[in-house]
Structure formats: structure tokens, C-alpha cells
């Protein structure tokens, strides 16, 4: 952690061993194999990012390290993981033992990577954990380390609209719901860790402010409804996500690609 940086909005100790083993995306597959058989989401993300053989990948917020191992298996020449949480660094190094992956403990706001040192920078489920000023700095760092023609690839969840708009409207739309439904739909981990949930518009704006002139930002296919108290009400999110005009109120996640 660079001594010149202000303390992060969420302390690294909040992300403990239990979080990575049981809560973070891909945890079930990691536990079942101790990382030897990663969740298919990592290969899928790298294919969507357009990883090419011989490239250098930097994964900011690498968690348990699966993406690094998968990237090398798909032909990446180098795979560098950045993590500020000690629990994640230990797990990532264990996951990548015996590979050429390089796991570095550092803050996303000060990446220990040379200028123009990467072809692809990935940030999977990281954006929502960074306060706005932290995100701006982290995106600026991602742009700094990308080679000309390189690209940044982002996934974030949840789409903030499902909580801020859809859930609120549902809660107030029928008598009794405002008492029966929780005012706060987020789970304990989101309340502790999510300091900057995004919409398509807000993420596009953040990328442009960081110097990415032409980012491509779109809603994903995931529909998140575990927080909705009634099954019938939960079905609304699927109906909204299935229609182009209403997708921003139903789709649960967001992707982005941004060329350097």
C-alpha cells in the first residue's frame, strides 16, 4: 500500500478469508477443487474481453487468482494480479502455485506496473467496491499501464437501478408492502463493501472522465431477485430484463470494454 495514498473507503481487512472462500463470485467451484477447476465465468470473461495469445494481462482485484491461471492456460504470456487484501493475496498465490502468475499486494490507485506494460486490464466485480474518487484514480492507473491499442474490461454488479428504482417502486406500489418489505434490500456484504454501485450511464461517464474516449457499456444477462420478498414480485425483474426499453430496471449486472 502506497504511504502517499489516503486510507481506502473499505479497509482491506474487511475482505477476510471467509469472504473469498464462501461469498465472492466463483467461491463454490474454488472450494470444490481448491482452485484447480475454476468457475467457467473466468474463461467466459476473458473470451468476452478478447484475450489473445501472447498478451500481458493485469487483473486488478484478482481475488483468489483464478483469472490469472485461466489467462495463462488460454495463452497469455504474462498474468499479473493486483490485490490489497492480505487474505486474497494468500489465496491467489496458493491458487496460482506452479504457474507463471505474479500476484502483487498493492492498491488499485497505485498499480506497481510499468507504463504501457499491459495489453488487457481486467476489473471484475471491483468497481462497486471503490468510492468515486478511488474509482477515478484506479481507472486512470489502468489507462496508464495499457499499451496503445490495449483495452480495459470491466464487470460490476448489481446494476444500481434494481435497488434504487425497481425495488422502491415495488415496495410502495401495494398497501402493506412498505411495512412488510425491508427498506434496505442489500445484504450484509453489500452494505459493508459496496460504496459505488453503478448504472450503465454512470459507468460510461466514469470511464470517459478517466480518459477512455469511446467505452462500450452494456447490461448483462444476470437477473438478481434473491432480495425480493415475494415470488410474484421477483418475476417482474425477468420480464423487465427481457425487453429492451425496460432492461435497465431488470438486468442485474453491467459489462464494459474500453480501448486505450
C-alpha atoms as a PDB file:
ATOM      1  CA  UNK A   1       0.000   0.000   0.000  1.00  0.00           C
ATOM      2  CA  UNK A   2       1.494   3.309  -1.023  1.00  0.00           C
ATOM      3  CA  UNK A   3       2.064   5.534   2.039  1.00  0.00           C
ATOM      4  CA  UNK A   4       1.044   8.596  -0.005  1.00  0.00           C
ATOM      5  CA  UNK A   5      -2.492   7.332  -0.561  1.00  0.00           C
ATOM      6  CA  UNK A   6      -5.341   8.198   1.809  1.00  0.00           C
ATOM      7  CA  UNK A   7      -6.927   5.218   3.571  1.00  0.00           C
ATOM      8  CA  UNK A   8      -9.315   3.286   1.330  1.00  0.00           C
ATOM      9  CA  UNK A   9     -13.060   3.675   1.786  1.00  0.00           C
ATOM     10  CA  UNK A  10     -13.262  -0.026   2.664  1.00  0.00           C
ATOM     11  CA  UNK A  11     -10.374  -1.375   4.727  1.00  0.00           C
ATOM     12  CA  UNK A  12      -8.596  -4.417   3.263  1.00  0.00           C
ATOM     13  CA  UNK A  13      -9.265  -6.404   6.437  1.00  0.00           C
ATOM     14  CA  UNK A  14     -12.995  -6.311   5.675  1.00  0.00           C
ATOM     15  CA  UNK A  15     -12.274  -8.790   2.878  1.00  0.00           C
ATOM     16  CA  UNK A  16     -11.356 -11.778   5.001  1.00  0.00           C
ATOM     17  CA  UNK A  17     -10.668 -15.426   4.206  1.00  0.00           C
ATOM     18  CA  UNK A  18     -14.313 -16.394   4.739  1.00  0.00           C
ATOM     19  CA  UNK A  19     -15.472 -13.809   2.196  1.00  0.00           C
ATOM     20  CA  UNK A  20     -13.243 -15.189  -0.553  1.00  0.00           C
ATOM     21  CA  UNK A  21     -13.928 -18.835   0.267  1.00  0.00           C
ATOM     22  CA  UNK A  22     -17.708 -18.560   0.668  1.00  0.00           C
ATOM     23  CA  UNK A  23     -19.132 -15.308  -0.723  1.00  0.00           C
ATOM     24  CA  UNK A  24     -17.183 -13.876  -3.664  1.00  0.00           C
ATOM     25  CA  UNK A  25     -18.215 -14.988  -7.157  1.00  0.00           C
ATOM     26  CA  UNK A  26     -16.861 -18.414  -8.097  1.00  0.00           C
ATOM     27  CA  UNK A  27     -16.376 -19.492  -4.481  1.00  0.00           C
ATOM     28  CA  UNK A  28     -18.269 -22.788  -4.790  1.00  0.00           C
ATOM     29  CA  UNK A  29     -16.116 -24.018  -7.666  1.00  0.00           C
ATOM     30  CA  UNK A  30     -12.943 -22.840  -5.950  1.00  0.00           C
ATOM     31  CA  UNK A  31     -13.778 -24.654  -2.699  1.00  0.00           C
ATOM     32  CA  UNK A  32     -14.672 -27.850  -4.513  1.00  0.00           C
ATOM     33  CA  UNK A  33     -11.244 -28.022  -6.163  1.00  0.00           C
ATOM     34  CA  UNK A  34      -9.062 -25.619  -4.126  1.00  0.00           C
ATOM     35  CA  UNK A  35      -8.802 -23.572  -7.308  1.00  0.00           C
ATOM     36  CA  UNK A  36      -7.769 -26.417  -9.629  1.00  0.00           C
ATOM     37  CA  UNK A  37     -11.066 -26.253 -11.558  1.00  0.00           C
ATOM     38  CA  UNK A  38     -12.147 -22.583 -11.686  1.00  0.00           C
ATOM     39  CA  UNK A  39     -15.684 -21.469 -12.328  1.00  0.00           C
ATOM     40  CA  UNK A  40     -16.333 -21.128 -16.090  1.00  0.00           C
ATOM     41  CA  UNK A  41     -17.097 -17.444 -15.539  1.00  0.00           C
ATOM     42  CA  UNK A  42     -13.366 -16.627 -15.774  1.00  0.00           C
ATOM     43  CA  UNK A  43     -12.842 -18.206 -19.174  1.00  0.00           C
ATOM     44  CA  UNK A  44     -16.093 -16.627 -20.340  1.00  0.00           C
ATOM     45  CA  UNK A  45     -14.982 -13.188 -19.188  1.00  0.00           C
ATOM     46  CA  UNK A  46     -11.596 -13.487 -20.881  1.00  0.00           C
ATOM     47  CA  UNK A  47     -13.217 -14.577 -24.140  1.00  0.00           C
ATOM     48  CA  UNK A  48     -15.575 -11.619 -23.938  1.00  0.00           C
ATOM     49  CA  UNK A  49     -12.570  -9.375 -23.274  1.00  0.00           C
ATOM     50  CA  UNK A  50     -10.912 -10.710 -26.430  1.00  0.00           C
ATOM     51  CA  UNK A  51      -7.781 -12.145 -24.810  1.00  0.00           C
ATOM     52  CA  UNK A  52      -5.199 -13.104 -27.443  1.00  0.00           C
ATOM     53  CA  UNK A  53      -2.257 -15.461 -27.149  1.00  0.00           C
ATOM     54  CA  UNK A  54       0.969 -13.737 -26.124  1.00  0.00           C
ATOM     55  CA  UNK A  55      -0.692 -10.840 -24.314  1.00  0.00           C
ATOM     56  CA  UNK A  56       0.055  -9.474 -20.858  1.00  0.00           C
ATOM     57  CA  UNK A  57      -2.986  -9.402 -18.576  1.00  0.00           C
ATOM     58  CA  UNK A  58      -3.254  -7.367 -15.379  1.00  0.00           C
ATOM     59  CA  UNK A  59      -6.194  -8.336 -13.172  1.00  0.00           C
ATOM     60  CA  UNK A  60      -6.983  -5.543 -10.719  1.00  0.00           C
ATOM     61  CA  UNK A  61      -8.730  -7.005  -7.674  1.00  0.00           C
ATOM     62  CA  UNK A  62      -7.707 -10.553  -8.554  1.00  0.00           C
ATOM     63  CA  UNK A  63      -9.334 -12.152  -5.501  1.00  0.00           C
ATOM     64  CA  UNK A  64      -8.475 -15.856  -5.291  1.00  0.00           C
ATOM     65  CA  UNK A  65      -6.464 -15.650  -8.532  1.00  0.00           C
ATOM     66  CA  UNK A  66      -8.474 -17.907 -10.843  1.00  0.00           C
ATOM     67  CA  UNK A  67      -8.495 -15.447 -13.747  1.00  0.00           C
ATOM     68  CA  UNK A  68      -4.685 -15.367 -13.747  1.00  0.00           C
ATOM     69  CA  UNK A  69      -4.375 -19.132 -14.022  1.00  0.00           C
ATOM     70  CA  UNK A  70      -7.081 -19.309 -16.674  1.00  0.00           C
ATOM     71  CA  UNK A  71      -5.464 -16.495 -18.705  1.00  0.00           C
ATOM     72  CA  UNK A  72      -2.149 -18.340 -18.773  1.00  0.00           C
ATOM     73  CA  UNK A  73      -3.951 -21.509 -19.809  1.00  0.00           C
ATOM     74  CA  UNK A  74      -5.547 -19.589 -22.678  1.00  0.00           C
ATOM     75  CA  UNK A  75      -2.177 -18.433 -23.966  1.00  0.00           C
ATOM     76  CA  UNK A  76      -1.402 -15.194 -22.145  1.00  0.00           C
ATOM     77  CA  UNK A  77       2.338 -14.573 -21.937  1.00  0.00           C
ATOM     78  CA  UNK A  78       2.117 -12.859 -18.540  1.00  0.00           C
ATOM     79  CA  UNK A  79      -0.597 -12.622 -15.908  1.00  0.00           C
ATOM     80  CA  UNK A  80      -0.219 -10.126 -13.072  1.00  0.00           C
ATOM     81  CA  UNK A  81      -2.719  -9.974 -10.215  1.00  0.00           C
ATOM     82  CA  UNK A  82      -3.211  -6.918  -8.012  1.00  0.00           C
ATOM     83  CA  UNK A  83      -4.838  -7.233  -4.588  1.00  0.00           C
ATOM     84  CA  UNK A  84      -4.800  -5.099  -1.463  1.00  0.00           C
ATOM     85  CA  UNK A  85      -6.486  -7.614   0.875  1.00  0.00           C
ATOM     86  CA  UNK A  86      -3.948  -9.918   2.571  1.00  0.00           C
ATOM     87  CA  UNK A  87      -6.454 -12.794   2.655  1.00  0.00           C
ATOM     88  CA  UNK A  88      -6.892 -12.607  -1.118  1.00  0.00           C
ATOM     89  CA  UNK A  89      -3.163 -12.369  -1.785  1.00  0.00           C
ATOM     90  CA  UNK A  90      -2.551 -15.585   0.187  1.00  0.00           C
ATOM     91  CA  UNK A  91      -5.345 -17.450  -1.611  1.00  0.00           C
ATOM     92  CA  UNK A  92      -4.314 -16.165  -5.046  1.00  0.00           C
ATOM     93  CA  UNK A  93      -0.730 -17.263  -4.546  1.00  0.00           C
ATOM     94  CA  UNK A  94      -1.950 -20.699  -3.475  1.00  0.00           C
ATOM     95  CA  UNK A  95      -4.301 -20.938  -6.470  1.00  0.00           C
ATOM     96  CA  UNK A  96      -1.526 -19.948  -8.876  1.00  0.00           C
ATOM     97  CA  UNK A  97       1.247 -22.029  -7.318  1.00  0.00           C
ATOM     98  CA  UNK A  98       3.202 -23.771 -10.048  1.00  0.00           C
ATOM     99  CA  UNK A  99       2.195 -21.240 -12.703  1.00  0.00           C
ATOM    100  CA  UNK A 100       3.940 -18.126 -14.007  1.00  0.00           C
ATOM    101  CA  UNK A 101       1.297 -15.833 -12.466  1.00  0.00           C
ATOM    102  CA  UNK A 102       2.640 -12.881 -10.493  1.00  0.00           C
ATOM    103  CA  UNK A 103       0.462 -11.787  -7.546  1.00  0.00           C
ATOM    104  CA  UNK A 104       1.327  -8.373  -6.121  1.00  0.00           C
ATOM    105  CA  UNK A 105      -0.119  -6.795  -2.983  1.00  0.00           C
ATOM    106  CA  UNK A 106      -0.973  -3.207  -3.897  1.00  0.00           C
ATOM    107  CA  UNK A 107      -3.732  -0.620  -4.098  1.00  0.00           C
ATOM    108  CA  UNK A 108      -5.690  -0.156  -7.342  1.00  0.00           C
ATOM    109  CA  UNK A 109      -4.927   3.563  -7.098  1.00  0.00           C
ATOM    110  CA  UNK A 110      -1.159   2.958  -7.444  1.00  0.00           C
ATOM    111  CA  UNK A 111      -0.507  -0.075  -9.628  1.00  0.00           C
ATOM    112  CA  UNK A 112       3.051  -1.473  -9.451  1.00  0.00           C
ATOM    113  CA  UNK A 113       3.156  -1.967 -13.225  1.00  0.00           C
ATOM    114  CA  UNK A 114       5.204  -0.020 -15.772  1.00  0.00           C
ATOM    115  CA  UNK A 115       3.623   2.472 -18.146  1.00  0.00           C
ATOM    116  CA  UNK A 116       2.269   0.691 -21.235  1.00  0.00           C
ATOM    117  CA  UNK A 117       3.014  -2.657 -19.603  1.00  0.00           C
ATOM    118  CA  UNK A 118      -0.294  -4.430 -20.308  1.00  0.00           C
ATOM    119  CA  UNK A 119      -2.417  -5.426 -23.269  1.00  0.00           C
ATOM    120  CA  UNK A 120      -5.510  -6.160 -21.192  1.00  0.00           C
ATOM    121  CA  UNK A 121      -6.552  -4.853 -17.781  1.00  0.00           C
ATOM    122  CA  UNK A 122      -9.482  -6.591 -16.113  1.00  0.00           C
ATOM    123  CA  UNK A 123     -11.600  -5.350 -13.203  1.00  0.00           C
ATOM    124  CA  UNK A 124     -14.200  -7.979 -12.355  1.00  0.00           C
ATOM    125  CA  UNK A 125     -16.586  -7.004  -9.559  1.00  0.00           C
ATOM    126  CA  UNK A 126     -14.224  -4.303  -8.311  1.00  0.00           C
ATOM    127  CA  UNK A 127     -15.830  -1.010  -9.379  1.00  0.00           C
ATOM    128  CA  UNK A 128     -18.641  -1.187  -6.807  1.00  0.00           C
ATOM    129  CA  UNK A 129     -16.064  -1.509  -4.013  1.00  0.00           C
ATOM    130  CA  UNK A 130     -14.271   1.754  -4.873  1.00  0.00           C
ATOM    131  CA  UNK A 131     -15.532   5.172  -3.798  1.00  0.00           C
ATOM    132  CA  UNK A 132     -15.917   7.637  -6.715  1.00  0.00           C
ATOM    133  CA  UNK A 133     -12.525   9.288  -6.212  1.00  0.00           C
ATOM    134  CA  UNK A 134     -10.876   5.876  -5.791  1.00  0.00           C
ATOM    135  CA  UNK A 135     -12.510   4.607  -8.961  1.00  0.00           C
ATOM    136  CA  UNK A 136     -11.319   7.639 -10.910  1.00  0.00           C
ATOM    137  CA  UNK A 137      -7.753   7.039  -9.723  1.00  0.00           C
ATOM    138  CA  UNK A 138      -7.934   3.294 -10.426  1.00  0.00           C
ATOM    139  CA  UNK A 139      -9.271   3.831 -13.946  1.00  0.00           C
ATOM    140  CA  UNK A 140      -6.532   6.384 -14.567  1.00  0.00           C
ATOM    141  CA  UNK A 141      -3.961   3.837 -13.455  1.00  0.00           C
ATOM    142  CA  UNK A 142      -5.484   1.212 -15.725  1.00  0.00           C
ATOM    143  CA  UNK A 143      -5.195   3.600 -18.667  1.00  0.00           C
ATOM    144  CA  UNK A 144      -1.576   4.435 -17.740  1.00  0.00           C
ATOM    145  CA  UNK A 145      -0.437   0.807 -17.800  1.00  0.00           C
ATOM    146  CA  UNK A 146      -2.235  -0.079 -21.038  1.00  0.00           C
ATOM    147  CA  UNK A 147      -0.273  -0.131 -24.265  1.00  0.00           C
ATOM    148  CA  UNK A 148      -1.708   1.808 -27.237  1.00  0.00           C
ATOM    149  CA  UNK A 149      -4.415  -0.442 -28.607  1.00  0.00           C
ATOM    150  CA  UNK A 150      -4.829  -2.202 -25.267  1.00  0.00           C
ATOM    151  CA  UNK A 151      -8.169  -2.360 -23.526  1.00  0.00           C
ATOM    152  CA  UNK A 152      -9.829  -2.289 -20.157  1.00  0.00           C
ATOM    153  CA  UNK A 153     -12.528  -4.863 -19.400  1.00  0.00           C
ATOM    154  CA  UNK A 154     -14.983  -4.350 -16.524  1.00  0.00           C
ATOM    155  CA  UNK A 155     -17.803  -6.248 -14.867  1.00  0.00           C
ATOM    156  CA  UNK A 156     -19.807  -4.774 -11.994  1.00  0.00           C
ATOM    157  CA  UNK A 157     -22.882  -5.735 -10.035  1.00  0.00           C
ATOM    158  CA  UNK A 158     -25.538  -5.014  -9.114  1.00  0.00           C
ATOM    159  CA  UNK A 159     -26.988  -2.598 -11.619  1.00  0.00           C
ATOM    160  CA  UNK A 160     -27.948   0.114  -9.105  1.00  0.00           C
ATOM    161  CA  UNK A 161     -31.351   0.648 -10.717  1.00  0.00           C
ATOM    162  CA  UNK A 162     -32.750  -2.633  -9.429  1.00  0.00           C
ATOM    163  CA  UNK A 163     -32.407  -1.398  -5.844  1.00  0.00           C
ATOM    164  CA  UNK A 164     -32.804   2.357  -6.263  1.00  0.00           C
ATOM    165  CA  UNK A 165     -35.755   2.311  -8.665  1.00  0.00           C
ATOM    166  CA  UNK A 166     -37.464  -1.041  -9.234  1.00  0.00           C
ATOM    167  CA  UNK A 167     -37.434  -2.318  -5.666  1.00  0.00           C
ATOM    168  CA  UNK A 168     -38.520   1.044  -4.237  1.00  0.00           C
ATOM    169  CA  UNK A 169     -41.414   1.318  -6.665  1.00  0.00           C
ATOM    170  CA  UNK A 170     -42.493  -2.228  -5.886  1.00  0.00           C
ATOM    171  CA  UNK A 171     -42.313  -1.624  -2.146  1.00  0.00           C
ATOM    172  CA  UNK A 172     -44.603   1.391  -2.359  1.00  0.00           C
ATOM    173  CA  UNK A 173     -46.917   0.085  -5.076  1.00  0.00           C
ATOM    174  CA  UNK A 174     -49.163  -2.052  -2.856  1.00  0.00           C
ATOM    175  CA  UNK A 175     -50.650  -1.450   0.585  1.00  0.00           C
ATOM    176  CA  UNK A 176     -48.737  -3.219   3.327  1.00  0.00           C
ATOM    177  CA  UNK A 177     -45.529  -3.772   1.404  1.00  0.00           C
ATOM    178  CA  UNK A 178     -43.818  -0.728   2.840  1.00  0.00           C
ATOM    179  CA  UNK A 179     -44.187  -2.375   6.262  1.00  0.00           C
ATOM    180  CA  UNK A 180     -43.595  -5.996   5.245  1.00  0.00           C
ATOM    181  CA  UNK A 181     -40.657  -5.365   2.906  1.00  0.00           C
ATOM    182  CA  UNK A 182     -37.300  -4.196   4.255  1.00  0.00           C
ATOM    183  CA  UNK A 183     -36.479  -0.594   3.461  1.00  0.00           C
ATOM    184  CA  UNK A 184     -32.927  -1.710   2.630  1.00  0.00           C
ATOM    185  CA  UNK A 185     -32.757  -4.608   0.143  1.00  0.00           C
ATOM    186  CA  UNK A 186     -28.961  -5.043   0.204  1.00  0.00           C
ATOM    187  CA  UNK A 187     -27.350  -7.946   2.054  1.00  0.00           C
ATOM    188  CA  UNK A 188     -24.764  -7.547   4.800  1.00  0.00           C
ATOM    189  CA  UNK A 189     -21.801  -7.835   2.439  1.00  0.00           C
ATOM    190  CA  UNK A 190     -23.156  -5.206   0.064  1.00  0.00           C
ATOM    191  CA  UNK A 191     -23.813  -2.858   2.966  1.00  0.00           C
ATOM    192  CA  UNK A 192     -20.242  -3.257   4.226  1.00  0.00           C
ATOM    193  CA  UNK A 193     -18.428  -3.286   0.910  1.00  0.00           C
ATOM    194  CA  UNK A 194     -20.407  -1.580  -1.847  1.00  0.00           C
ATOM    195  CA  UNK A 195     -19.644   2.122  -1.844  1.00  0.00           C
ATOM    196  CA  UNK A 196     -20.221   2.922  -5.524  1.00  0.00           C
ATOM    197  CA  UNK A 197     -22.833   0.815  -7.309  1.00  0.00           C
ATOM    198  CA  UNK A 198     -23.240   1.738 -10.962  1.00  0.00           C
ATOM    199  CA  UNK A 199     -25.705   2.177 -13.791  1.00  0.00           C
ATOM    200  CA  UNK A 200     -24.757   1.962 -17.459  1.00  0.00           C
ATOM    201  CA  UNK A 201     -24.791   5.746 -17.649  1.00  0.00           C
ATOM    202  CA  UNK A 202     -22.672   6.313 -14.536  1.00  0.00           C
ATOM    203  CA  UNK A 203     -20.052   3.723 -15.530  1.00  0.00           C
ATOM    204  CA  UNK A 204     -19.792   5.163 -19.031  1.00  0.00           C
ATOM    205  CA  UNK A 205     -19.272   8.591 -17.513  1.00  0.00           C
ATOM    206  CA  UNK A 206     -16.600   7.347 -15.106  1.00  0.00           C
ATOM    207  CA  UNK A 207     -14.674   5.717 -17.947  1.00  0.00           C
ATOM    208  CA  UNK A 208     -14.826   8.854 -20.087  1.00  0.00           C
ATOM    209  CA  UNK A 209     -13.687  11.079 -17.222  1.00  0.00           C
ATOM    210  CA  UNK A 210     -10.675   8.785 -16.775  1.00  0.00           C
ATOM    211  CA  UNK A 211      -9.653   9.306 -20.403  1.00  0.00           C
ATOM    212  CA  UNK A 212     -11.308   6.364 -22.160  1.00  0.00           C
ATOM    213  CA  UNK A 213     -12.903   8.229 -25.046  1.00  0.00           C
ATOM    214  CA  UNK A 214     -15.118   5.523 -26.527  1.00  0.00           C
ATOM    215  CA  UNK A 215     -16.160   2.952 -23.929  1.00  0.00           C
ATOM    216  CA  UNK A 216     -18.728   0.294 -24.761  1.00  0.00           C
ATOM    217  CA  UNK A 217     -21.015  -0.323 -21.769  1.00  0.00           C
ATOM    218  CA  UNK A 218     -23.937  -2.747 -21.701  1.00  0.00           C
ATOM    219  CA  UNK A 219     -26.291  -4.616 -19.408  1.00  0.00           C
ATOM    220  CA  UNK A 220     -25.585  -8.283 -18.726  1.00  0.00           C
ATOM    221  CA  UNK A 221     -27.873 -11.321 -18.724  1.00  0.00           C
ATOM    222  CA  UNK A 222     -27.904 -11.944 -14.969  1.00  0.00           C
ATOM    223  CA  UNK A 223     -31.230 -11.272 -13.229  1.00  0.00           C
ATOM    224  CA  UNK A 224     -30.875 -10.860  -9.467  1.00  0.00           C
ATOM    225  CA  UNK A 225     -34.016 -11.427  -7.381  1.00  0.00           C
ATOM    226  CA  UNK A 226     -32.946 -13.086  -4.110  1.00  0.00           C
ATOM    227  CA  UNK A 227     -33.655  -9.848  -2.248  1.00  0.00           C
ATOM    228  CA  UNK A 228     -37.314  -9.658  -3.367  1.00  0.00           C
ATOM    229  CA  UNK A 229     -39.643 -11.000  -0.634  1.00  0.00           C
ATOM    230  CA  UNK A 230     -42.439 -12.255  -2.917  1.00  0.00           C
ATOM    231  CA  UNK A 231     -42.029 -14.742  -5.766  1.00  0.00           C
ATOM    232  CA  UNK A 232     -44.587 -12.992  -7.927  1.00  0.00           C
ATOM    233  CA  UNK A 233     -42.856  -9.660  -7.443  1.00  0.00           C
ATOM    234  CA  UNK A 234     -39.496 -11.269  -8.266  1.00  0.00           C
ATOM    235  CA  UNK A 235     -40.794 -12.387 -11.652  1.00  0.00           C
ATOM    236  CA  UNK A 236     -41.154  -8.742 -12.658  1.00  0.00           C
ATOM    237  CA  UNK A 237     -37.351  -8.390 -12.915  1.00  0.00           C
ATOM    238  CA  UNK A 238     -37.215 -11.151 -15.519  1.00  0.00           C
ATOM    239  CA  UNK A 239     -39.986  -9.504 -17.520  1.00  0.00           C
ATOM    240  CA  UNK A 240     -38.276  -6.127 -17.358  1.00  0.00           C
ATOM    241  CA  UNK A 241     -34.889  -7.597 -18.330  1.00  0.00           C
ATOM    242  CA  UNK A 242     -36.425  -9.336 -21.350  1.00  0.00           C
ATOM    243  CA  UNK A 243     -37.481  -6.075 -23.019  1.00  0.00           C
ATOM    244  CA  UNK A 244     -35.023  -3.575 -24.471  1.00  0.00           C
ATOM    245  CA  UNK A 245     -36.809  -0.485 -23.175  1.00  0.00           C
ATOM    246  CA  UNK A 246     -37.143  -1.775 -19.614  1.00  0.00           C
ATOM    247  CA  UNK A 247     -33.871  -3.737 -19.338  1.00  0.00           C
ATOM    248  CA  UNK A 248     -32.205  -1.022 -17.214  1.00  0.00           C
ATOM    249  CA  UNK A 249     -34.801  -1.724 -14.491  1.00  0.00           C
ATOM    250  CA  UNK A 250     -34.462  -5.522 -14.524  1.00  0.00           C
ATOM    251  CA  UNK A 251     -30.968  -6.616 -15.567  1.00  0.00           C
ATOM    252  CA  UNK A 252     -28.671  -7.245 -12.637  1.00  0.00           C
ATOM    253  CA  UNK A 253     -25.137  -6.630 -13.921  1.00  0.00           C
ATOM    254  CA  UNK A 254     -23.096  -4.400 -16.224  1.00  0.00           C
ATOM    255  CA  UNK A 255     -20.145  -5.025 -18.565  1.00  0.00           C
ATOM    256  CA  UNK A 256     -17.765  -2.587 -20.237  1.00  0.00           C
ATOM    257  CA  UNK A 257     -14.912  -2.610 -22.746  1.00  0.00           C
ATOM    258  CA  UNK A 258     -12.796   0.488 -23.190  1.00  0.00           C
ATOM    259  CA  UNK A 259      -9.916   0.786 -25.672  1.00  0.00           C
ATOM    260  CA  UNK A 260      -6.824   2.777 -24.712  1.00  0.00           C
END
